[in-house]
Amino acid sequence: MKNVKLFLSVALFTAAVGGAFTTAAAKNAAAKSGAVITMPGYIKQGPTCVFKNNCQTVNTGILCTETQTGGAQIFGQTDATHCAVQLWRLPN
């Protein structure tokens, strides 16, 4: 039983690490290829997040806002009631 628990722990850890590297590699490849990954941007209004604008996850140095000319900063969603993922403005 102890060997089974050890094996399952090692297998789970290996899968998690492999998934993390695969995700990071895919994001880096997309960023290097010039592909823009569009993400919906939300602002917290009351208990929920409300869609405001499209943004991206690649750091352009300009935070994503309600409009292309400014306004309140908007964020990506972590779940239906939390929007706190930092997003960046799409290129014009």
N, C-alpha and C. Protein backbone atom coordinates (compact mmCIF):
# COMPACT_ATOMS: atom_id res chain seq x y z
N MET A 1 0.83 -1.19 0.00
CA MET A 1 0.00 0.00 0.00
C MET A 1 0.87 1.26 0.00
N LYS A 2 1.98 1.20 0.74
CA LYS A 2 2.87 2.35 0.80
C LYS A 2 3.49 2.62 -0.56
N ASN A 3 3.84 1.55 -1.29
CA ASN A 3 4.42 1.72 -2.62
C ASN A 3 3.42 2.32 -3.60
N VAL A 4 2.15 1.93 -3.47
CA VAL A 4 1.12 2.46 -4.34
C VAL A 4 0.94 3.95 -4.10
N LYS A 5 0.91 4.37 -2.85
CA LYS A 5 0.77 5.79 -2.53
C LYS A 5 1.96 6.58 -3.06
N LEU A 6 3.17 6.03 -2.91
CA LEU A 6 4.37 6.69 -3.40
C LEU A 6 4.31 6.81 -4.92
N PHE A 7 3.92 5.72 -5.59
CA PHE A 7 3.83 5.74 -7.04
C PHE A 7 2.81 6.77 -7.51
N LEU A 8 1.64 6.81 -6.89
CA LEU A 8 0.61 7.77 -7.28
C LEU A 8 1.07 9.21 -7.03
N SER A 9 1.77 9.44 -5.94
CA SER A 9 2.28 10.79 -5.65
C SER A 9 3.28 11.22 -6.70
N VAL A 10 4.20 10.34 -7.05
CA VAL A 10 5.21 10.66 -8.06
C VAL A 10 4.55 10.87 -9.42
N ALA A 11 3.60 10.03 -9.77
CA ALA A 11 2.90 10.16 -11.05
C ALA A 11 2.14 11.48 -11.14
N LEU A 12 1.45 11.84 -10.08
CA LEU A 12 0.70 13.10 -10.06
C LEU A 12 1.63 14.30 -10.17
N PHE A 13 2.72 14.27 -9.43
CA PHE A 13 3.69 15.37 -9.48
C PHE A 13 4.28 15.49 -10.88
N THR A 14 4.63 14.37 -11.49
CA THR A 14 5.20 14.38 -12.83
C THR A 14 4.22 14.95 -13.84
N ALA A 15 2.95 14.56 -13.75
CA ALA A 15 1.93 15.09 -14.66
C ALA A 15 1.75 16.59 -14.47
N ALA A 16 1.77 17.05 -13.24
CA ALA A 16 1.61 18.49 -12.96
C ALA A 16 2.77 19.30 -13.53
N VAL A 17 3.97 18.81 -13.32
CA VAL A 17 5.15 19.52 -13.84
C VAL A 17 5.14 19.51 -15.37
N GLY A 18 4.80 18.38 -15.95
CA GLY A 18 4.72 18.30 -17.41
C GLY A 18 3.68 19.25 -17.97
N GLY A 19 2.53 19.34 -17.32
CA GLY A 19 1.49 20.26 -17.77
C GLY A 19 1.92 21.71 -17.67
N ALA A 20 2.64 22.04 -16.61
CA ALA A 20 3.12 23.41 -16.44
C ALA A 20 4.10 23.79 -17.54
N PHE A 21 5.02 22.89 -17.85
CA PHE A 21 6.00 23.17 -18.91
C PHE A 21 5.33 23.26 -20.27
N THR A 22 4.35 22.42 -20.52
CA THR A 22 3.64 22.44 -21.80
C THR A 22 2.88 23.75 -21.96
N THR A 23 2.21 24.20 -20.91
CA THR A 23 1.47 25.46 -20.97
C THR A 23 2.40 26.64 -21.18
N ALA A 24 3.51 26.67 -20.44
CA ALA A 24 4.47 27.77 -20.59
C ALA A 24 5.09 27.76 -21.98
N ALA A 25 5.40 26.60 -22.50
CA ALA A 25 5.98 26.51 -23.84
C ALA A 25 5.01 26.99 -24.90
N ALA A 26 3.74 26.65 -24.75
CA ALA A 26 2.73 27.09 -25.72
C ALA A 26 2.56 28.60 -25.69
N LYS A 27 2.54 29.19 -24.50
CA LYS A 27 2.40 30.64 -24.39
C LYS A 27 3.62 31.34 -24.97
N ASN A 28 4.82 30.83 -24.69
CA ASN A 28 6.04 31.43 -25.23
C ASN A 28 6.08 31.32 -26.75
N ALA A 29 5.66 30.18 -27.29
CA ALA A 29 5.64 30.00 -28.74
C ALA A 29 4.67 30.97 -29.39
N ALA A 30 3.50 31.16 -28.78
CA ALA A 30 2.53 32.10 -29.33
C ALA A 30 3.06 33.52 -29.28
N ALA A 31 3.72 33.88 -28.20
CA ALA A 31 4.27 35.23 -28.07
C ALA A 31 5.38 35.47 -29.09
N LYS A 32 6.23 34.48 -29.31
CA LYS A 32 7.34 34.62 -30.26
C LYS A 32 6.84 34.64 -31.70
N SER A 33 5.76 33.94 -31.97
CA SER A 33 5.25 33.88 -33.34
C SER A 33 4.50 35.15 -33.72
N GLY A 34 4.25 36.01 -32.76
CA GLY A 34 3.52 37.24 -33.03
C GLY A 34 2.02 37.06 -32.93
N ALA A 35 1.57 35.85 -32.60
CA ALA A 35 0.14 35.60 -32.46
C ALA A 35 -0.37 36.29 -31.20
N VAL A 36 -1.47 36.98 -31.33
CA VAL A 36 -2.07 37.68 -30.19
C VAL A 36 -3.17 36.79 -29.62
N ILE A 37 -3.08 36.53 -28.32
CA ILE A 37 -4.09 35.74 -27.65
C ILE A 37 -5.08 36.71 -27.01
N THR A 38 -6.27 36.80 -27.58
CA THR A 38 -7.28 37.72 -27.09
C THR A 38 -8.01 37.12 -25.90
N MET A 39 -8.13 37.92 -24.84
CA MET A 39 -8.84 37.50 -23.63
C MET A 39 -9.91 38.54 -23.33
N PRO A 40 -11.09 38.12 -22.89
CA PRO A 40 -12.11 39.10 -22.49
C PRO A 40 -11.70 39.80 -21.20
N GLY A 41 -11.93 41.10 -21.15
CA GLY A 41 -11.60 41.89 -19.96
C GLY A 41 -12.86 42.28 -19.21
N TYR A 42 -12.80 42.20 -17.89
CA TYR A 42 -13.97 42.45 -17.05
C TYR A 42 -13.66 43.51 -16.00
N ILE A 43 -14.72 44.13 -15.51
CA ILE A 43 -14.62 45.06 -14.39
C ILE A 43 -15.60 44.57 -13.31
N LYS A 44 -15.21 44.70 -12.06
CA LYS A 44 -16.06 44.26 -10.95
C LYS A 44 -17.19 45.26 -10.76
N GLN A 45 -18.42 44.77 -10.87
CA GLN A 45 -19.60 45.60 -10.61
C GLN A 45 -20.52 44.81 -9.71
N GLY A 46 -20.58 45.23 -8.46
CA GLY A 46 -21.38 44.49 -7.48
C GLY A 46 -20.73 43.14 -7.20
N PRO A 47 -21.51 42.08 -7.17
CA PRO A 47 -20.95 40.77 -6.83
C PRO A 47 -20.37 40.02 -8.03
N THR A 48 -20.49 40.58 -9.25
CA THR A 48 -20.03 39.84 -10.43
C THR A 48 -19.05 40.67 -11.26
N CYS A 49 -18.46 40.01 -12.23
CA CYS A 49 -17.58 40.67 -13.20
C CYS A 49 -18.38 40.89 -14.48
N VAL A 50 -18.29 42.10 -15.04
CA VAL A 50 -19.04 42.46 -16.24
C VAL A 50 -18.05 42.72 -17.37
N PHE A 51 -18.30 42.11 -18.53
CA PHE A 51 -17.42 42.27 -19.70
C PHE A 51 -17.37 43.73 -20.14
N LYS A 52 -16.14 44.21 -20.46
CA LYS A 52 -15.99 45.59 -20.91
C LYS A 52 -15.23 45.71 -22.23
N ASN A 53 -14.18 44.89 -22.44
CA ASN A 53 -13.33 45.07 -23.61
C ASN A 53 -12.49 43.82 -23.82
N ASN A 54 -11.93 43.64 -25.01
CA ASN A 54 -10.99 42.56 -25.25
C ASN A 54 -9.57 43.02 -24.99
N CYS A 55 -8.75 42.13 -24.43
CA CYS A 55 -7.38 42.45 -24.05
C CYS A 55 -6.49 41.28 -24.46
N GLN A 56 -5.24 41.30 -24.00
CA GLN A 56 -4.33 40.19 -24.24
C GLN A 56 -3.51 39.91 -22.99
N THR A 57 -2.88 38.74 -22.96
CA THR A 57 -2.08 38.33 -21.81
C THR A 57 -0.61 38.71 -21.96
N VAL A 58 -0.19 39.09 -23.17
CA VAL A 58 1.21 39.46 -23.41
C VAL A 58 1.43 40.90 -22.98
N ASN A 59 2.46 41.12 -22.17
CA ASN A 59 2.77 42.45 -21.65
C ASN A 59 3.21 43.38 -22.76
N THR A 60 2.38 44.38 -23.05
CA THR A 60 2.71 45.39 -24.05
C THR A 60 3.18 46.68 -23.39
N GLY A 61 3.16 46.72 -22.07
CA GLY A 61 3.54 47.92 -21.34
C GLY A 61 2.38 48.87 -21.11
N ILE A 62 1.23 48.57 -21.72
CA ILE A 62 0.04 49.41 -21.56
C ILE A 62 -1.08 48.53 -21.00
N LEU A 63 -1.54 48.84 -19.80
CA LEU A 63 -2.60 48.07 -19.17
C LEU A 63 -3.90 48.19 -19.96
N CYS A 64 -4.70 47.14 -19.93
CA CYS A 64 -5.98 47.13 -20.63
C CYS A 64 -6.98 47.98 -19.85
N THR A 65 -7.71 48.82 -20.57
CA THR A 65 -8.69 49.71 -19.96
C THR A 65 -10.04 49.57 -20.65
N GLU A 66 -11.04 50.24 -20.12
CA GLU A 66 -12.41 50.14 -20.66
C GLU A 66 -12.48 50.50 -22.13
N THR A 67 -11.75 51.51 -22.54
CA THR A 67 -11.72 51.91 -23.94
C THR A 67 -10.27 51.93 -24.40
N GLN A 68 -10.05 52.04 -25.69
CA GLN A 68 -8.68 52.07 -26.20
C GLN A 68 -7.95 53.37 -25.85
N THR A 69 -8.70 54.37 -25.38
CA THR A 69 -8.09 55.65 -25.03
C THR A 69 -8.00 55.88 -23.53
N GLY A 70 -8.44 54.93 -22.72
CA GLY A 70 -8.33 55.10 -21.27
C GLY A 70 -9.53 54.55 -20.54
N GLY A 71 -9.75 55.08 -19.36
CA GLY A 71 -10.82 54.59 -18.51
C GLY A 71 -10.27 53.70 -17.42
N ALA A 72 -11.15 53.01 -16.74
CA ALA A 72 -10.76 52.15 -15.63
C ALA A 72 -10.02 50.91 -16.14
N GLN A 73 -9.07 50.43 -15.36
CA GLN A 73 -8.35 49.21 -15.71
C GLN A 73 -9.30 48.03 -15.62
N ILE A 74 -9.20 47.11 -16.57
CA ILE A 74 -10.03 45.91 -16.55
C ILE A 74 -9.15 44.67 -16.44
N PHE A 75 -9.75 43.57 -16.01
CA PHE A 75 -8.99 42.37 -15.64
C PHE A 75 -9.60 41.12 -16.25
N GLY A 76 -8.82 40.05 -16.26
CA GLY A 76 -9.31 38.74 -16.65
C GLY A 76 -10.00 38.08 -15.48
N GLN A 77 -10.90 37.14 -15.77
CA GLN A 77 -11.66 36.46 -14.73
C GLN A 77 -10.91 35.24 -14.20
N THR A 78 -11.00 35.03 -12.88
CA THR A 78 -10.52 33.80 -12.28
C THR A 78 -11.69 32.85 -12.05
N ASP A 79 -12.86 33.39 -11.78
CA ASP A 79 -14.12 32.64 -11.72
C ASP A 79 -15.25 33.65 -11.89
N ALA A 80 -16.48 33.23 -11.74
CA ALA A 80 -17.64 34.09 -12.05
C ALA A 80 -17.70 35.37 -11.23
N THR A 81 -17.12 35.36 -10.02
CA THR A 81 -17.24 36.54 -9.15
C THR A 81 -15.90 37.23 -8.87
N HIS A 82 -14.80 36.76 -9.47
CA HIS A 82 -13.50 37.37 -9.23
C HIS A 82 -12.82 37.71 -10.56
N CYS A 83 -12.46 38.96 -10.70
CA CYS A 83 -11.72 39.38 -11.89
C CYS A 83 -10.49 40.15 -11.41
N ALA A 84 -9.35 39.47 -11.45
CA ALA A 84 -8.13 40.07 -10.91
C ALA A 84 -6.88 39.73 -11.72
N VAL A 85 -7.02 39.10 -12.89
CA VAL A 85 -5.86 38.74 -13.71
C VAL A 85 -5.46 39.95 -14.54
N GLN A 86 -4.22 40.38 -14.41
CA GLN A 86 -3.77 41.57 -15.13
C GLN A 86 -3.71 41.30 -16.63
N LEU A 87 -4.33 42.20 -17.40
CA LEU A 87 -4.36 42.08 -18.86
C LEU A 87 -3.76 43.32 -19.49
N TRP A 88 -3.39 43.20 -20.76
CA TRP A 88 -2.71 44.28 -21.48
C TRP A 88 -3.49 44.66 -22.72
N ARG A 89 -3.32 45.91 -23.14
CA ARG A 89 -4.06 46.44 -24.27
C ARG A 89 -3.64 45.74 -25.57
N LEU A 90 -4.63 45.48 -26.42
CA LEU A 90 -4.37 44.91 -27.74
C LEU A 90 -3.70 45.95 -28.63
N PRO A 91 -2.85 45.51 -29.55
CA PRO A 91 -2.26 46.47 -30.49
C PRO A 91 -3.34 47.06 -31.39
N ASN A 92 -3.15 48.28 -31.82
CA ASN A 92 -4.15 48.94 -32.68
C ASN A 92 -4.15 48.37 -34.06
